[in-house]
Amino acid sequence: MSEGYVYGTVKVGDRGQIVIPSKARKELNIKPGDLLLVMSGKNRRGLALVKADLMREFANKIMHGLEDTKEESE
């Protein structure tokens, strides 16, 4: 299992906004206008940001995998 990476700290502004550090934006290919999915675990002690298009691709792969499994069982 790979380890995560810490890009630094950010301060939440009055309107709840944060600035994603430039190194993180560059390495994760996050560009202006990208849609990010904001998630939290059951304990609600932190946030995770995931590019929505990557999550969509992941969901599509799961759905296609389920379809393939269904066809094989018939």
PDB file of N, CA and C in Angstrom:
ATOM      1  N   MET A   1       0.848  -1.183   0.000  1.00  0.00           N
ATOM      2  CA  MET A   1       0.000   0.000   0.000  1.00  0.00           C
ATOM      3  C   MET A   1       0.890   1.242   0.000  1.00  0.00           C
ATOM      4  N   SER A   2       0.560   2.191  -0.867  1.00  0.00           N
ATOM      5  CA  SER A   2       1.383   3.390  -0.936  1.00  0.00           C
ATOM      6  C   SER A   2       0.986   4.370   0.163  1.00  0.00           C
ATOM      7  N   GLU A   3       1.932   5.153   0.561  1.00  0.00           N
ATOM      8  CA  GLU A   3       1.698   6.155   1.592  1.00  0.00           C
ATOM      9  C   GLU A   3       1.135   7.411   0.945  1.00  0.00           C
ATOM     10  N   GLY A   4       0.431   8.190   1.725  1.00  0.00           N
ATOM     11  CA  GLY A   4      -0.100   9.458   1.233  1.00  0.00           C
ATOM     12  C   GLY A   4       0.987  10.512   1.204  1.00  0.00           C
ATOM     13  N   TYR A   5       0.612  11.694   0.812  1.00  0.00           N
ATOM     14  CA  TYR A   5       1.556  12.797   0.745  1.00  0.00           C
ATOM     15  C   TYR A   5       0.910  14.024   1.375  1.00  0.00           C
ATOM     16  N   VAL A   6       1.657  14.747   2.158  1.00  0.00           N
ATOM     17  CA  VAL A   6       1.171  15.976   2.783  1.00  0.00           C
ATOM     18  C   VAL A   6       1.704  17.151   1.977  1.00  0.00           C
ATOM     19  N   TYR A   7       0.808  17.986   1.490  1.00  0.00           N
ATOM     20  CA  TYR A   7       1.193  19.135   0.677  1.00  0.00           C
ATOM     21  C   TYR A   7       1.311  20.416   1.491  1.00  0.00           C
ATOM     22  N   GLY A   8       0.981  20.365   2.754  1.00  0.00           N
ATOM     23  CA  GLY A   8       1.071  21.556   3.598  1.00  0.00           C
ATOM     24  C   GLY A   8      -0.255  21.822   4.274  1.00  0.00           C
ATOM     25  N   THR A   9      -0.420  23.022   4.780  1.00  0.00           N
ATOM     26  CA  THR A   9      -1.655  23.400   5.447  1.00  0.00           C
ATOM     27  C   THR A   9      -2.331  24.517   4.665  1.00  0.00           C
ATOM     28  N   VAL A  10      -3.634  24.633   4.853  1.00  0.00           N
ATOM     29  CA  VAL A  10      -4.394  25.723   4.239  1.00  0.00           C
ATOM     30  C   VAL A  10      -5.304  26.319   5.301  1.00  0.00           C
ATOM     31  N   LYS A  11      -5.658  27.563   5.131  1.00  0.00           N
ATOM     32  CA  LYS A  11      -6.552  28.235   6.074  1.00  0.00           C
ATOM     33  C   LYS A  11      -7.918  28.386   5.406  1.00  0.00           C
ATOM     34  N   VAL A  12      -8.951  28.070   6.164  1.00  0.00           N
ATOM     35  CA  VAL A  12     -10.318  28.225   5.668  1.00  0.00           C
ATOM     36  C   VAL A  12     -10.703  29.689   5.799  1.00  0.00           C
ATOM     37  N   GLY A  13     -11.148  30.269   4.689  1.00  0.00           N
ATOM     38  CA  GLY A  13     -11.563  31.673   4.691  1.00  0.00           C
ATOM     39  C   GLY A  13     -12.952  31.856   5.272  1.00  0.00           C
ATOM     40  N   ASP A  14     -13.369  33.107   5.382  1.00  0.00           N
ATOM     41  CA  ASP A  14     -14.672  33.456   5.945  1.00  0.00           C
ATOM     42  C   ASP A  14     -15.831  32.787   5.201  1.00  0.00           C
ATOM     43  N   ARG A  15     -15.655  32.561   3.910  1.00  0.00           N
ATOM     44  CA  ARG A  15     -16.708  31.954   3.099  1.00  0.00           C
ATOM     45  C   ARG A  15     -16.530  30.441   2.966  1.00  0.00           C
ATOM     46  N   GLY A  16     -15.640  29.846   3.760  1.00  0.00           N
ATOM     47  CA  GLY A  16     -15.427  28.404   3.732  1.00  0.00           C
ATOM     48  C   GLY A  16     -14.516  27.941   2.607  1.00  0.00           C
ATOM     49  N   GLN A  17     -13.832  28.860   1.962  1.00  0.00           N
ATOM     50  CA  GLN A  17     -12.979  28.522   0.831  1.00  0.00           C
ATOM     51  C   GLN A  17     -11.557  28.208   1.288  1.00  0.00           C
ATOM     52  N   ILE A  18     -10.905  27.325   0.536  1.00  0.00           N
ATOM     53  CA  ILE A  18      -9.491  27.022   0.758  1.00  0.00           C
ATOM     54  C   ILE A  18      -8.758  27.147  -0.571  1.00  0.00           C
ATOM     55  N   VAL A  19      -7.448  27.296  -0.515  1.00  0.00           N
ATOM     56  CA  VAL A  19      -6.607  27.300  -1.704  1.00  0.00           C
ATOM     57  C   VAL A  19      -5.817  25.996  -1.695  1.00  0.00           C
ATOM     58  N   ILE A  20      -5.948  25.226  -2.753  1.00  0.00           N
ATOM     59  CA  ILE A  20      -5.197  23.973  -2.869  1.00  0.00           C
ATOM     60  C   ILE A  20      -3.759  24.347  -3.227  1.00  0.00           C
ATOM     61  N   PRO A  21      -2.779  23.860  -2.466  1.00  0.00           N
ATOM     62  CA  PRO A  21      -1.388  24.223  -2.743  1.00  0.00           C
ATOM     63  C   PRO A  21      -0.988  23.934  -4.195  1.00  0.00           C
ATOM     64  N   SER A  22      -0.171  24.821  -4.756  1.00  0.00           N
ATOM     65  CA  SER A  22       0.207  24.717  -6.170  1.00  0.00           C
ATOM     66  C   SER A  22       0.876  23.387  -6.497  1.00  0.00           C
ATOM     67  N   LYS A  23       1.710  22.866  -5.598  1.00  0.00           N
ATOM     68  CA  LYS A  23       2.367  21.584  -5.862  1.00  0.00           C
ATOM     69  C   LYS A  23       1.326  20.464  -5.994  1.00  0.00           C
ATOM     70  N   ALA A  24       0.309  20.488  -5.152  1.00  0.00           N
ATOM     71  CA  ALA A  24      -0.763  19.492  -5.228  1.00  0.00           C
ATOM     72  C   ALA A  24      -1.532  19.648  -6.538  1.00  0.00           C
ATOM     73  N   ARG A  25      -1.856  20.894  -6.915  1.00  0.00           N
ATOM     74  CA  ARG A  25      -2.586  21.124  -8.172  1.00  0.00           C
ATOM     75  C   ARG A  25      -1.790  20.614  -9.360  1.00  0.00           C
ATOM     76  N   LYS A  26      -0.485  20.876  -9.348  1.00  0.00           N
ATOM     77  CA  LYS A  26       0.356  20.454 -10.466  1.00  0.00           C
ATOM     78  C   LYS A  26       0.464  18.929 -10.520  1.00  0.00           C
ATOM     79  N   GLU A  27       0.813  18.303  -9.400  1.00  0.00           N
ATOM     80  CA  GLU A  27       1.011  16.852  -9.378  1.00  0.00           C
ATOM     81  C   GLU A  27      -0.272  16.074  -9.629  1.00  0.00           C
ATOM     82  N   LEU A  28      -1.415  16.644  -9.215  1.00  0.00           N
ATOM     83  CA  LEU A  28      -2.694  15.943  -9.370  1.00  0.00           C
ATOM     84  C   LEU A  28      -3.488  16.438 -10.574  1.00  0.00           C
ATOM     85  N   ASN A  29      -2.861  17.315 -11.352  1.00  0.00           N
ATOM     86  CA  ASN A  29      -3.466  17.846 -12.578  1.00  0.00           C
ATOM     87  C   ASN A  29      -4.845  18.471 -12.309  1.00  0.00           C
ATOM     88  N   ILE A  30      -4.921  19.292 -11.276  1.00  0.00           N
ATOM     89  CA  ILE A  30      -6.157  19.995 -10.942  1.00  0.00           C
ATOM     90  C   ILE A  30      -6.092  21.374 -11.581  1.00  0.00           C
ATOM     91  N   LYS A  31      -7.092  21.654 -12.418  1.00  0.00           N
ATOM     92  CA  LYS A  31      -7.109  22.909 -13.162  1.00  0.00           C
ATOM     93  C   LYS A  31      -8.354  23.716 -12.805  1.00  0.00           C
ATOM     94  N   PRO A  32      -8.316  25.035 -13.056  1.00  0.00           N
ATOM     95  CA  PRO A  32      -9.509  25.853 -12.809  1.00  0.00           C
ATOM     96  C   PRO A  32     -10.715  25.266 -13.541  1.00  0.00           C
ATOM     97  N   GLY A  33     -11.828  25.196 -12.851  1.00  0.00           N
ATOM     98  CA  GLY A  33     -13.049  24.653 -13.446  1.00  0.00           C
ATOM     99  C   GLY A  33     -13.254  23.170 -13.185  1.00  0.00           C
ATOM    100  N   ASP A  34     -12.205  22.463 -12.725  1.00  0.00           N
ATOM    101  CA  ASP A  34     -12.361  21.038 -12.410  1.00  0.00           C
ATOM    102  C   ASP A  34     -13.366  20.882 -11.277  1.00  0.00           C
ATOM    103  N   LEU A  35     -14.150  19.834 -11.352  1.00  0.00           N
ATOM    104  CA  LEU A  35     -15.120  19.524 -10.306  1.00  0.00           C
ATOM    105  C   LEU A  35     -14.480  18.541  -9.340  1.00  0.00           C
ATOM    106  N   LEU A  36     -14.522  18.854  -8.046  1.00  0.00           N
ATOM    107  CA  LEU A  36     -13.954  17.983  -7.028  1.00  0.00           C
ATOM    108  C   LEU A  36     -15.078  17.446  -6.147  1.00  0.00           C
ATOM    109  N   LEU A  37     -14.993  16.167  -5.836  1.00  0.00           N
ATOM    110  CA  LEU A  37     -15.921  15.528  -4.926  1.00  0.00           C
ATOM    111  C   LEU A  37     -15.343  15.669  -3.522  1.00  0.00           C
ATOM    112  N   VAL A  38     -16.137  16.183  -2.589  1.00  0.00           N
ATOM    113  CA  VAL A  38     -15.692  16.377  -1.210  1.00  0.00           C
ATOM    114  C   VAL A  38     -16.327  15.269  -0.371  1.00  0.00           C
ATOM    115  N   MET A  39     -15.475  14.463   0.270  1.00  0.00           N
ATOM    116  CA  MET A  39     -15.967  13.309   1.018  1.00  0.00           C
ATOM    117  C   MET A  39     -15.399  13.301   2.426  1.00  0.00           C
ATOM    118  N   SER A  40     -16.068  12.533   3.290  1.00  0.00           N
ATOM    119  CA  SER A  40     -15.595  12.307   4.646  1.00  0.00           C
ATOM    120  C   SER A  40     -15.905  10.868   5.013  1.00  0.00           C
ATOM    121  N   GLY A  41     -15.123  10.312   5.923  1.00  0.00           N
ATOM    122  CA  GLY A  41     -15.371   8.966   6.402  1.00  0.00           C
ATOM    123  C   GLY A  41     -16.479   8.960   7.445  1.00  0.00           C
ATOM    124  N   LYS A  42     -16.774   7.774   7.953  1.00  0.00           N
ATOM    125  CA  LYS A  42     -17.834   7.626   8.962  1.00  0.00           C
ATOM    126  C   LYS A  42     -17.594   8.497  10.190  1.00  0.00           C
ATOM    127  N   ASN A  43     -16.330   8.620  10.599  1.00  0.00           N
ATOM    128  CA  ASN A  43     -16.041   9.369  11.830  1.00  0.00           C
ATOM    129  C   ASN A  43     -16.109  10.884  11.649  1.00  0.00           C
ATOM    130  N   ARG A  44     -16.183  11.336  10.414  1.00  0.00           N
ATOM    131  CA  ARG A  44     -16.295  12.765  10.082  1.00  0.00           C
ATOM    132  C   ARG A  44     -15.227  13.608  10.753  1.00  0.00           C
ATOM    133  N   ARG A  45     -14.016  13.109  10.721  1.00  0.00           N
ATOM    134  CA  ARG A  45     -12.899  13.848  11.321  1.00  0.00           C
ATOM    135  C   ARG A  45     -11.992  14.505  10.290  1.00  0.00           C
ATOM    136  N   GLY A  46     -12.287  14.314   9.039  1.00  0.00           N
ATOM    137  CA  GLY A  46     -11.450  14.898   8.006  1.00  0.00           C
ATOM    138  C   GLY A  46     -12.171  14.903   6.674  1.00  0.00           C
ATOM    139  N   LEU A  47     -11.549  15.517   5.686  1.00  0.00           N
ATOM    140  CA  LEU A  47     -12.103  15.609   4.346  1.00  0.00           C
ATOM    141  C   LEU A  47     -11.137  14.998   3.345  1.00  0.00           C
ATOM    142  N   ALA A  48     -11.694  14.490   2.267  1.00  0.00           N
ATOM    143  CA  ALA A  48     -10.897  14.044   1.132  1.00  0.00           C
ATOM    144  C   ALA A  48     -11.462  14.709  -0.112  1.00  0.00           C
ATOM    145  N   LEU A  49     -10.595  15.166  -0.983  1.00  0.00           N
ATOM    146  CA  LEU A  49     -10.999  15.758  -2.256  1.00  0.00           C
ATOM    147  C   LEU A  49     -10.570  14.813  -3.370  1.00  0.00           C
ATOM    148  N   VAL A  50     -11.489  14.479  -4.248  1.00  0.00           N
ATOM    149  CA  VAL A  50     -11.197  13.593  -5.376  1.00  0.00           C
ATOM    150  C   VAL A  50     -11.762  14.244  -6.632  1.00  0.00           C
ATOM    151  N   LYS A  51     -10.982  14.220  -7.709  1.00  0.00           N
ATOM    152  CA  LYS A  51     -11.491  14.762  -8.959  1.00  0.00           C
ATOM    153  C   LYS A  51     -12.723  13.959  -9.377  1.00  0.00           C
ATOM    154  N   ALA A  52     -13.809  14.655  -9.658  1.00  0.00           N
ATOM    155  CA  ALA A  52     -15.078  13.998  -9.970  1.00  0.00           C
ATOM    156  C   ALA A  52     -14.961  13.119 -11.216  1.00  0.00           C
ATOM    157  N   ASP A  53     -14.182  13.551 -12.217  1.00  0.00           N
ATOM    158  CA  ASP A  53     -14.070  12.730 -13.427  1.00  0.00           C
ATOM    159  C   ASP A  53     -13.377  11.394 -13.140  1.00  0.00           C
ATOM    160  N   LEU A  54     -12.429  11.373 -12.199  1.00  0.00           N
ATOM    161  CA  LEU A  54     -11.783  10.113 -11.832  1.00  0.00           C
ATOM    162  C   LEU A  54     -12.769   9.198 -11.119  1.00  0.00           C
ATOM    163  N   MET A  55     -13.604   9.760 -10.271  1.00  0.00           N
ATOM    164  CA  MET A  55     -14.602   8.960  -9.573  1.00  0.00           C
ATOM    165  C   MET A  55     -15.632   8.423 -10.563  1.00  0.00           C
ATOM    166  N   ARG A  56     -15.992   9.230 -11.550  1.00  0.00           N
ATOM    167  CA  ARG A  56     -16.940   8.791 -12.582  1.00  0.00           C
ATOM    168  C   ARG A  56     -16.352   7.623 -13.371  1.00  0.00           C
ATOM    169  N   GLU A  57     -15.084   7.726 -13.757  1.00  0.00           N
ATOM    170  CA  GLU A  57     -14.414   6.629 -14.478  1.00  0.00           C
ATOM    171  C   GLU A  57     -14.409   5.364 -13.627  1.00  0.00           C
ATOM    172  N   PHE A  58     -14.107   5.500 -12.352  1.00  0.00           N
ATOM    173  CA  PHE A  58     -14.081   4.367 -11.433  1.00  0.00           C
ATOM    174  C   PHE A  58     -15.462   3.712 -11.359  1.00  0.00           C
ATOM    175  N   ALA A  59     -16.506   4.521 -11.219  1.00  0.00           N
ATOM    176  CA  ALA A  59     -17.873   3.996 -11.148  1.00  0.00           C
ATOM    177  C   ALA A  59     -18.249   3.285 -12.444  1.00  0.00           C
ATOM    178  N   ASN A  60     -17.858   3.850 -13.587  1.00  0.00           N
ATOM    179  CA  ASN A  60     -18.144   3.208 -14.879  1.00  0.00           C
ATOM    180  C   ASN A  60     -17.456   1.854 -14.991  1.00  0.00           C
ATOM    181  N   LYS A  61     -16.219   1.771 -14.523  1.00  0.00           N
ATOM    182  CA  LYS A  61     -15.503   0.491 -14.560  1.00  0.00           C
ATOM    183  C   LYS A  61     -16.204  -0.538 -13.689  1.00  0.00           C
ATOM    184  N   ILE A  62     -16.685  -0.112 -12.536  1.00  0.00           N
ATOM    185  CA  ILE A  62     -17.413  -1.031 -11.663  1.00  0.00           C
ATOM    186  C   ILE A  62     -18.682  -1.513 -12.354  1.00  0.00           C
ATOM    187  N   MET A  63     -19.435  -0.584 -12.951  1.00  0.00           N
ATOM    188  CA  MET A  63     -20.690  -0.956 -13.604  1.00  0.00           C
ATOM    189  C   MET A  63     -20.444  -1.896 -14.786  1.00  0.00           C
ATOM    190  N   HIS A  64     -19.407  -1.631 -15.580  1.00  0.00           N
ATOM    191  CA  HIS A  64     -19.084  -2.516 -16.709  1.00  0.00           C
ATOM    192  C   HIS A  64     -18.641  -3.875 -16.199  1.00  0.00           C
ATOM    193  N   GLY A  65     -17.912  -3.884 -15.087  1.00  0.00           N
ATOM    194  CA  GLY A  65     -17.489  -5.151 -14.494  1.00  0.00           C
ATOM    195  C   GLY A  65     -18.679  -5.963 -14.028  1.00  0.00           C
ATOM    196  N   LEU A  66     -19.682  -5.304 -13.458  1.00  0.00           N
ATOM    197  CA  LEU A  66     -20.890  -5.998 -13.038  1.00  0.00           C
ATOM    198  C   LEU A  66     -21.648  -6.551 -14.238  1.00  0.00           C
ATOM    199  N   GLU A  67     -21.681  -5.785 -15.332  1.00  0.00           N
ATOM    200  CA  GLU A  67     -22.351  -6.261 -16.545  1.00  0.00           C
ATOM    201  C   GLU A  67     -21.629  -7.475 -17.116  1.00  0.00           C
ATOM    202  N   ASP A  68     -20.294  -7.444 -17.120  1.00  0.00           N
ATOM    203  CA  ASP A  68     -19.519  -8.576 -17.619  1.00  0.00           C
ATOM    204  C   ASP A  68     -19.767  -9.813 -16.775  1.00  0.00           C
ATOM    205  N   THR A  69     -19.842  -9.640 -15.472  1.00  0.00           N
ATOM    206  CA  THR A  69     -20.096 -10.757 -14.568  1.00  0.00           C
ATOM    207  C   THR A  69     -21.469 -11.355 -14.816  1.00  0.00           C
ATOM    208  N   LYS A  70     -22.450 -10.495 -15.033  1.00  0.00           N
ATOM    209  CA  LYS A  70     -23.824 -10.947 -15.305  1.00  0.00           C
ATOM    210  C   LYS A  70     -23.866 -11.767 -16.589  1.00  0.00           C
ATOM    211  N   GLU A  71     -23.178 -11.281 -17.648  1.00  0.00           N
ATOM    212  CA  GLU A  71     -23.163 -11.999 -18.929  1.00  0.00           C
ATOM    213  C   GLU A  71     -22.488 -13.357 -18.799  1.00  0.00           C
ATOM    214  N   GLU A  72     -21.429 -13.446 -18.011  1.00  0.00           N
ATOM    215  CA  GLU A  72     -20.707 -14.704 -17.839  1.00  0.00           C
ATOM    216  C   GLU A  72     -21.542 -15.733 -17.100  1.00  0.00           C
ATOM    217  N   SER A  73     -22.415 -15.288 -16.195  1.00  0.00           N
ATOM    218  CA  SER A  73     -23.208 -16.227 -15.394  1.00  0.00           C
ATOM    219  C   SER A  73     -24.422 -16.728 -16.161  1.00  0.00           C
ATOM    220  N   GLU A  74     -24.769 -16.099 -17.271  1.00  0.00           N
ATOM    221  CA  GLU A  74     -25.948 -16.520 -18.038  1.00  0.00           C
ATOM    222  C   GLU A  74     -25.642 -17.665 -18.973  1.00  0.00           C
TER     223      GLU A  74
END
